Amino acid sequence: LTRELGLFVADFYRQHGVETVSGESVVSFEVRPGEIMVTTQSRNTVTTEIALIGVGIDPHTELADAAGLEVGNGIEVDEYARTSDPNIWAAGDVAEFPSLTLDTRIRVEHSDHAIQHGRAAGANMAGANRPYTALPMFYSDFFDLGWEAVGEIDPSRDVEAVWKEPFREGVLFYLREDVVRGVLLWNRWGLVDWARGLIQEKKTMTSAERAAAIPA
């Protein structure tokens, strides 16, 4: 998210009784009678009754390494989901694949991609010989807000927000030299295919053209 949107989200959570802490990491948990004490890297402490831990995903590539396959940010595959061994395929969260739309290699951790990539790999194992051209989507929901996104959602890029209602409903465009590389649909639903099409066009557009392209 952009800094402005991130600050809004932090305050939005706070209004719902959830405090967010940035720039910290947990170093230890101590279980006490009826409570858990968490110590952070800065030696701050948080006391709670339950801890839910989301730590991200590291792809398990040990088997691929042992088989002599090429491994980068995951098991490297081509546009057909084939590994460096033409008799072995890999798909889903563990695979680093060439995005034919974004012209770069990426690895995506999401069910939408895993399902589509797995189907593509299975079809190609059966001889379909069809390149994987899908542009995966991902999403999140929290309280009465939510978003869906496709492409490169990278706040270090130029980001242009078009709001119907500031921070409540709108579209964020992630740009490279005025070409849309990613689209974040903030409380706008049913527009994922439209966003995919906009990215796939790879067309240079003005701010006015991008705003006018958003479906009503």
C-alpha atoms as a PDB file:
ATOM      1  CA  LEU A   1       0.000   0.000   0.000  1.00  0.00           C
ATOM      2  CA  THR A   2       0.994   3.616  -0.361  1.00  0.00           C
ATOM      3  CA  ARG A   3       2.030   5.348   2.876  1.00  0.00           C
ATOM      4  CA  GLU A   4      -1.200   7.358   3.005  1.00  0.00           C
ATOM      5  CA  LEU A   5      -3.374   4.273   2.538  1.00  0.00           C
ATOM      6  CA  GLY A   6      -1.265   2.276   4.982  1.00  0.00           C
ATOM      7  CA  LEU A   7      -1.707   4.949   7.676  1.00  0.00           C
ATOM      8  CA  PHE A   8      -5.456   4.926   7.032  1.00  0.00           C
ATOM      9  CA  VAL A   9      -5.567   1.134   7.426  1.00  0.00           C
ATOM     10  CA  ALA A  10      -3.589   1.286  10.690  1.00  0.00           C
ATOM     11  CA  ASP A  11      -6.034   3.862  12.078  1.00  0.00           C
ATOM     12  CA  PHE A  12      -8.991   1.860  10.741  1.00  0.00           C
ATOM     13  CA  TYR A  13      -7.783  -1.216  12.656  1.00  0.00           C
ATOM     14  CA  ARG A  14      -7.211   0.920  15.757  1.00  0.00           C
ATOM     15  CA  GLN A  15     -10.837   2.091  15.635  1.00  0.00           C
ATOM     16  CA  HIS A  16     -11.834  -1.590  15.708  1.00  0.00           C
ATOM     17  CA  GLY A  17      -9.682  -2.308  18.754  1.00  0.00           C
ATOM     18  CA  VAL A  18      -6.630  -3.637  16.904  1.00  0.00           C
ATOM     19  CA  GLU A  19      -3.272  -1.951  17.465  1.00  0.00           C
ATOM     20  CA  THR A  20      -0.612  -2.288  14.764  1.00  0.00           C
ATOM     21  CA  VAL A  21       3.133  -2.099  15.409  1.00  0.00           C
ATOM     22  CA  SER A  22       5.543  -1.413  12.551  1.00  0.00           C
ATOM     23  CA  GLY A  23       9.288  -1.871  12.329  1.00  0.00           C
ATOM     24  CA  GLU A  24       9.349  -4.546  15.034  1.00  0.00           C
ATOM     25  CA  SER A  25       9.906  -8.283  15.169  1.00  0.00           C
ATOM     26  CA  VAL A  26       9.097 -10.870  17.812  1.00  0.00           C
ATOM     27  CA  VAL A  27      12.045 -12.577  19.496  1.00  0.00           C
ATOM     28  CA  SER A  28      10.348 -14.693  22.183  1.00  0.00           C
ATOM     29  CA  PHE A  29       7.116 -15.945  23.720  1.00  0.00           C
ATOM     30  CA  GLU A  30       6.725 -16.750  27.413  1.00  0.00           C
ATOM     31  CA  VAL A  31       3.652 -18.727  28.457  1.00  0.00           C
ATOM     32  CA  ARG A  32       2.401 -17.755  31.904  1.00  0.00           C
ATOM     33  CA  PRO A  33      -0.718 -18.847  33.801  1.00  0.00           C
ATOM     34  CA  GLY A  34      -3.616 -17.380  31.814  1.00  0.00           C
ATOM     35  CA  GLU A  35      -1.497 -15.223  29.502  1.00  0.00           C
ATOM     36  CA  ILE A  36       1.313 -15.066  26.955  1.00  0.00           C
ATOM     37  CA  MET A  37       4.041 -12.427  27.132  1.00  0.00           C
ATOM     38  CA  VAL A  38       5.647 -11.475  23.835  1.00  0.00           C
ATOM     39  CA  THR A  39       9.041  -9.763  23.754  1.00  0.00           C
ATOM     40  CA  THR A  40      10.079  -7.758  20.689  1.00  0.00           C
ATOM     41  CA  GLN A  41      13.490  -7.020  19.251  1.00  0.00           C
ATOM     42  CA  SER A  42      13.400  -3.560  20.865  1.00  0.00           C
ATOM     43  CA  ARG A  43      12.740  -5.255  24.253  1.00  0.00           C
ATOM     44  CA  ASN A  44       9.144  -4.043  24.357  1.00  0.00           C
ATOM     45  CA  THR A  45       6.578  -6.487  25.734  1.00  0.00           C
ATOM     46  CA  VAL A  46       2.997  -7.299  24.806  1.00  0.00           C
ATOM     47  CA  THR A  47       0.725  -9.400  27.022  1.00  0.00           C
ATOM     48  CA  THR A  48      -2.108 -11.347  25.456  1.00  0.00           C
ATOM     49  CA  GLU A  49      -4.250 -14.469  25.860  1.00  0.00           C
ATOM     50  CA  ILE A  50      -3.699 -15.877  22.365  1.00  0.00           C
ATOM     51  CA  ALA A  51      -1.095 -15.496  19.613  1.00  0.00           C
ATOM     52  CA  LEU A  52      -1.842 -16.105  15.931  1.00  0.00           C
ATOM     53  CA  ILE A  53       1.360 -16.230  13.913  1.00  0.00           C
ATOM     54  CA  GLY A  54       1.636 -15.587  10.172  1.00  0.00           C
ATOM     55  CA  VAL A  55       5.253 -15.983   9.088  1.00  0.00           C
ATOM     56  CA  GLY A  56       5.068 -16.185   5.297  1.00  0.00           C
ATOM     57  CA  ILE A  57       6.217 -18.990   3.039  1.00  0.00           C
ATOM     58  CA  ASP A  58       9.652 -20.239   2.039  1.00  0.00           C
ATOM     59  CA  PRO A  59       9.416 -22.622  -0.920  1.00  0.00           C
ATOM     60  CA  HIS A  60      10.645 -26.129  -0.160  1.00  0.00           C
ATOM     61  CA  THR A  61      13.134 -26.800  -2.941  1.00  0.00           C
ATOM     62  CA  GLU A  62      15.208 -29.541  -1.287  1.00  0.00           C
ATOM     63  CA  LEU A  63      13.891 -32.273  -3.585  1.00  0.00           C
ATOM     64  CA  ALA A  64      14.458 -30.072  -6.650  1.00  0.00           C
ATOM     65  CA  ASP A  65      18.007 -29.324  -5.479  1.00  0.00           C
ATOM     66  CA  ALA A  66      18.671 -33.023  -4.982  1.00  0.00           C
ATOM     67  CA  ALA A  67      17.348 -33.736  -8.472  1.00  0.00           C
ATOM     68  CA  GLY A  68      19.717 -31.139  -9.965  1.00  0.00           C
ATOM     69  CA  LEU A  69      16.958 -28.770 -11.085  1.00  0.00           C
ATOM     70  CA  GLU A  70      17.527 -25.036 -11.521  1.00  0.00           C
ATOM     71  CA  VAL A  71      16.362 -23.162  -8.407  1.00  0.00           C
ATOM     72  CA  GLY A  72      16.120 -19.401  -7.898  1.00  0.00           C
ATOM     73  CA  ASN A  73      13.282 -17.798  -5.949  1.00  0.00           C
ATOM     74  CA  GLY A  74      11.600 -21.196  -6.101  1.00  0.00           C
ATOM     75  CA  ILE A  75      11.867 -23.995  -8.653  1.00  0.00           C
ATOM     76  CA  GLU A  76      12.549 -22.353 -12.009  1.00  0.00           C
ATOM     77  CA  VAL A  77      10.105 -23.283 -14.765  1.00  0.00           C
ATOM     78  CA  ASP A  78       9.410 -22.069 -18.302  1.00  0.00           C
ATOM     79  CA  GLU A  79       6.116 -20.786 -19.704  1.00  0.00           C
ATOM     80  CA  TYR A  80       4.887 -24.392 -19.960  1.00  0.00           C
ATOM     81  CA  ALA A  81       5.636 -25.111 -16.245  1.00  0.00           C
ATOM     82  CA  ARG A  82       8.589 -27.326 -17.254  1.00  0.00           C
ATOM     83  CA  THR A  83      11.659 -27.344 -15.039  1.00  0.00           C
ATOM     84  CA  SER A  84      15.234 -27.463 -16.326  1.00  0.00           C
ATOM     85  CA  ASP A  85      14.633 -31.212 -16.715  1.00  0.00           C
ATOM     86  CA  PRO A  86      12.136 -31.484 -19.633  1.00  0.00           C
ATOM     87  CA  ASN A  87      10.531 -34.526 -17.985  1.00  0.00           C
ATOM     88  CA  ILE A  88       9.679 -32.716 -14.725  1.00  0.00           C
ATOM     89  CA  TRP A  89       7.059 -29.989 -14.178  1.00  0.00           C
ATOM     90  CA  ALA A  90       6.422 -27.735 -11.163  1.00  0.00           C
ATOM     91  CA  ALA A  91       3.517 -25.404 -10.435  1.00  0.00           C
ATOM     92  CA  GLY A  92       1.966 -23.159  -7.821  1.00  0.00           C
ATOM     93  CA  ASP A  93       3.576 -21.413  -4.852  1.00  0.00           C
ATOM     94  CA  VAL A  94       6.870 -23.303  -5.201  1.00  0.00           C
ATOM     95  CA  ALA A  95       7.512 -22.322  -8.844  1.00  0.00           C
ATOM     96  CA  GLU A  96       9.232 -19.224 -10.223  1.00  0.00           C
ATOM     97  CA  PHE A  97       7.761 -18.698 -13.675  1.00  0.00           C
ATOM     98  CA  PRO A  98       7.961 -16.168 -16.525  1.00  0.00           C
ATOM     99  CA  SER A  99       4.983 -13.799 -16.496  1.00  0.00           C
ATOM    100  CA  LEU A 100       4.368 -13.267 -20.196  1.00  0.00           C
ATOM    101  CA  THR A 101       2.241 -10.193 -19.410  1.00  0.00           C
ATOM    102  CA  LEU A 102       4.735  -8.474 -17.084  1.00  0.00           C
ATOM    103  CA  ASP A 103       7.847  -9.616 -18.990  1.00  0.00           C
ATOM    104  CA  THR A 104       9.589 -10.729 -15.814  1.00  0.00           C
ATOM    105  CA  ARG A 105      10.013 -13.824 -13.671  1.00  0.00           C
ATOM    106  CA  ILE A 106       7.853 -14.003 -10.550  1.00  0.00           C
ATOM    107  CA  ARG A 107       6.671 -16.382  -7.846  1.00  0.00           C
ATOM    108  CA  VAL A 108       3.114 -16.009  -6.532  1.00  0.00           C
ATOM    109  CA  GLU A 109       1.724 -17.354  -3.264  1.00  0.00           C
ATOM    110  CA  HIS A 110      -2.032 -17.526  -3.779  1.00  0.00           C
ATOM    111  CA  SER A 111      -4.710 -20.122  -4.443  1.00  0.00           C
ATOM    112  CA  ASP A 112      -5.874 -18.441  -7.679  1.00  0.00           C
ATOM    113  CA  HIS A 113      -2.424 -18.854  -9.202  1.00  0.00           C
ATOM    114  CA  ALA A 114      -1.882 -22.360  -7.786  1.00  0.00           C
ATOM    115  CA  ILE A 115      -5.140 -23.611  -9.315  1.00  0.00           C
ATOM    116  CA  GLN A 116      -4.522 -22.077 -12.750  1.00  0.00           C
ATOM    117  CA  HIS A 117      -0.828 -22.951 -12.877  1.00  0.00           C
ATOM    118  CA  GLY A 118      -1.519 -26.513 -11.732  1.00  0.00           C
ATOM    119  CA  ARG A 119      -4.104 -26.966 -14.482  1.00  0.00           C
ATOM    120  CA  ALA A 120      -1.676 -25.588 -17.062  1.00  0.00           C
ATOM    121  CA  ALA A 121       1.091 -27.916 -15.871  1.00  0.00           C
ATOM    122  CA  GLY A 122      -1.234 -30.929 -15.956  1.00  0.00           C
ATOM    123  CA  ALA A 123      -2.448 -30.095 -19.465  1.00  0.00           C
ATOM    124  CA  ASN A 124       1.123 -29.650 -20.725  1.00  0.00           C
ATOM    125  CA  MET A 125       2.212 -32.926 -19.137  1.00  0.00           C
ATOM    126  CA  ALA A 126      -0.558 -34.500 -21.219  1.00  0.00           C
ATOM    127  CA  GLY A 127       0.786 -32.843 -24.379  1.00  0.00           C
ATOM    128  CA  ALA A 128      -1.243 -29.618 -24.659  1.00  0.00           C
ATOM    129  CA  ASN A 129       1.894 -27.485 -25.183  1.00  0.00           C
ATOM    130  CA  ARG A 130       0.057 -24.300 -24.138  1.00  0.00           C
ATOM    131  CA  PRO A 131       1.965 -21.444 -22.456  1.00  0.00           C
ATOM    132  CA  TYR A 132       0.728 -20.189 -19.097  1.00  0.00           C
ATOM    133  CA  THR A 133      -0.544 -16.674 -19.765  1.00  0.00           C
ATOM    134  CA  ALA A 134      -2.699 -16.067 -16.671  1.00  0.00           C
ATOM    135  CA  LEU A 135      -2.209 -12.943 -14.566  1.00  0.00           C
ATOM    136  CA  PRO A 136      -2.988 -14.126 -11.009  1.00  0.00           C
ATOM    137  CA  MET A 137      -5.148 -12.120  -8.628  1.00  0.00           C
ATOM    138  CA  PHE A 138      -4.970 -11.888  -4.847  1.00  0.00           C
ATOM    139  CA  TYR A 139      -7.195 -10.281  -2.242  1.00  0.00           C
ATOM    140  CA  SER A 140      -7.814  -9.456   1.401  1.00  0.00           C
ATOM    141  CA  ASP A 141     -10.846  -8.567   3.517  1.00  0.00           C
ATOM    142  CA  PHE A 142     -10.935  -6.799   6.876  1.00  0.00           C
ATOM    143  CA  PHE A 143     -14.089  -5.697   8.660  1.00  0.00           C
ATOM    144  CA  ASP A 144     -16.205  -3.801   6.105  1.00  0.00           C
ATOM    145  CA  LEU A 145     -13.316  -3.089   3.714  1.00  0.00           C
ATOM    146  CA  GLY A 146     -11.590  -5.318   1.199  1.00  0.00           C
ATOM    147  CA  TRP A 147      -9.539  -5.321  -1.957  1.00  0.00           C
ATOM    148  CA  GLU A 148      -8.577  -7.366  -4.989  1.00  0.00           C
ATOM    149  CA  ALA A 149      -5.397  -6.844  -6.973  1.00  0.00           C
ATOM    150  CA  VAL A 150      -3.533  -8.034 -10.050  1.00  0.00           C
ATOM    151  CA  GLY A 151      -0.062  -7.371 -11.435  1.00  0.00           C
ATOM    152  CA  GLU A 152       2.830  -5.620  -9.697  1.00  0.00           C
ATOM    153  CA  ILE A 153       1.514  -4.038  -6.506  1.00  0.00           C
ATOM    154  CA  ASP A 154       4.738  -2.295  -5.577  1.00  0.00           C
ATOM    155  CA  PRO A 155       4.536   1.008  -3.628  1.00  0.00           C
ATOM    156  CA  SER A 156       8.032   1.956  -4.813  1.00  0.00           C
ATOM    157  CA  ARG A 157       6.527   2.523  -8.266  1.00  0.00           C
ATOM    158  CA  ASP A 158       4.575   5.624  -9.262  1.00  0.00           C
ATOM    159  CA  VAL A 159       1.123   5.069  -7.767  1.00  0.00           C
ATOM    160  CA  GLU A 160      -1.958   6.959  -8.876  1.00  0.00           C
ATOM    161  CA  ALA A 161      -5.147   6.746  -6.806  1.00  0.00           C
ATOM    162  CA  VAL A 162      -8.581   7.495  -8.273  1.00  0.00           C
ATOM    163  CA  TRP A 163     -11.057   7.669  -5.406  1.00  0.00           C
ATOM    164  CA  LYS A 164     -14.834   7.607  -5.464  1.00  0.00           C
ATOM    165  CA  GLU A 165     -14.597   8.143  -1.718  1.00  0.00           C
ATOM    166  CA  PRO A 166     -11.116   8.703  -0.241  1.00  0.00           C
ATOM    167  CA  PHE A 167      -9.711   5.504   1.306  1.00  0.00           C
ATOM    168  CA  ARG A 168     -13.157   3.858   1.129  1.00  0.00           C
ATOM    169  CA  GLU A 169     -13.713   3.104  -2.547  1.00  0.00           C
ATOM    170  CA  GLY A 170     -11.416   3.559  -5.486  1.00  0.00           C
ATOM    171  CA  VAL A 171      -8.757   2.212  -7.851  1.00  0.00           C
ATOM    172  CA  LEU A 172      -4.977   2.479  -7.483  1.00  0.00           C
ATOM    173  CA  PHE A 173      -2.770   2.221 -10.572  1.00  0.00           C
ATOM    174  CA  TYR A 174       0.861   1.095 -10.171  1.00  0.00           C
ATOM    175  CA  LEU A 175       2.790   2.572 -13.089  1.00  0.00           C
ATOM    176  CA  ARG A 176       6.049   2.326 -14.985  1.00  0.00           C
ATOM    177  CA  GLU A 177       6.497   5.272 -17.335  1.00  0.00           C
ATOM    178  CA  ASP A 178       2.709   5.755 -17.524  1.00  0.00           C
ATOM    179  CA  VAL A 179       2.110   2.083 -18.401  1.00  0.00           C
ATOM    180  CA  VAL A 180      -0.131   0.246 -15.928  1.00  0.00           C
ATOM    181  CA  ARG A 181       1.776  -2.621 -14.289  1.00  0.00           C
ATOM    182  CA  GLY A 182      -0.611  -3.327 -11.416  1.00  0.00           C
ATOM    183  CA  VAL A 183      -4.135  -2.471 -10.290  1.00  0.00           C
ATOM    184  CA  LEU A 184      -5.468  -2.445  -6.720  1.00  0.00           C
ATOM    185  CA  LEU A 185      -9.262  -2.447  -6.536  1.00  0.00           C
ATOM    186  CA  TRP A 186     -10.120  -0.942  -3.158  1.00  0.00           C
ATOM    187  CA  ASN A 187     -13.699  -1.899  -2.258  1.00  0.00           C
ATOM    188  CA  ARG A 188     -14.448  -2.138  -5.996  1.00  0.00           C
ATOM    189  CA  TRP A 189     -15.761  -5.575  -6.943  1.00  0.00           C
ATOM    190  CA  GLY A 190     -16.177  -7.497 -10.175  1.00  0.00           C
ATOM    191  CA  LEU A 191     -13.395  -5.615 -11.979  1.00  0.00           C
ATOM    192  CA  VAL A 192     -10.528  -8.124 -11.870  1.00  0.00           C
ATOM    193  CA  ASP A 193     -10.881  -9.152 -15.532  1.00  0.00           C
ATOM    194  CA  TRP A 194     -11.023  -5.479 -16.539  1.00  0.00           C
ATOM    195  CA  ALA A 195      -7.821  -4.825 -14.569  1.00  0.00           C
ATOM    196  CA  ARG A 196      -6.107  -7.806 -16.198  1.00  0.00           C
ATOM    197  CA  GLY A 197      -7.045  -6.504 -19.641  1.00  0.00           C
ATOM    198  CA  LEU A 198      -5.711  -3.031 -18.836  1.00  0.00           C
ATOM    199  CA  ILE A 199      -2.332  -4.450 -17.763  1.00  0.00           C
ATOM    200  CA  GLN A 200      -2.160  -6.794 -20.760  1.00  0.00           C
ATOM    201  CA  GLU A 201      -2.627  -3.854 -23.148  1.00  0.00           C
ATOM    202  CA  LYS A 202       0.756  -2.435 -22.007  1.00  0.00           C
ATOM    203  CA  LYS A 203      -0.456   0.929 -23.279  1.00  0.00           C
ATOM    204  CA  THR A 204       0.922   4.338 -22.339  1.00  0.00           C
ATOM    205  CA  MET A 205      -1.967   6.376 -20.921  1.00  0.00           C
ATOM    206  CA  THR A 206      -2.507   9.761 -19.345  1.00  0.00           C
ATOM    207  CA  SER A 207      -4.040  10.186 -15.900  1.00  0.00           C
ATOM    208  CA  ALA A 208      -7.283  11.337 -17.503  1.00  0.00           C
ATOM    209  CA  GLU A 209      -7.380   8.281 -19.787  1.00  0.00           C
ATOM    210  CA  ARG A 210      -6.829   5.914 -16.879  1.00  0.00           C
ATOM    211  CA  ALA A 211      -9.560   7.562 -14.808  1.00  0.00           C
ATOM    212  CA  ALA A 212     -11.969   7.485 -17.759  1.00  0.00           C
ATOM    213  CA  ALA A 213     -11.251   3.780 -18.332  1.00  0.00           C
ATOM    214  CA  ILE A 214     -12.557   2.759 -14.883  1.00  0.00           C
ATOM    215  CA  PRO A 215     -15.997   1.132 -15.225  1.00  0.00           C
ATOM    216  CA  ALA A 216     -18.802   3.034 -13.520  1.00  0.00           C
END
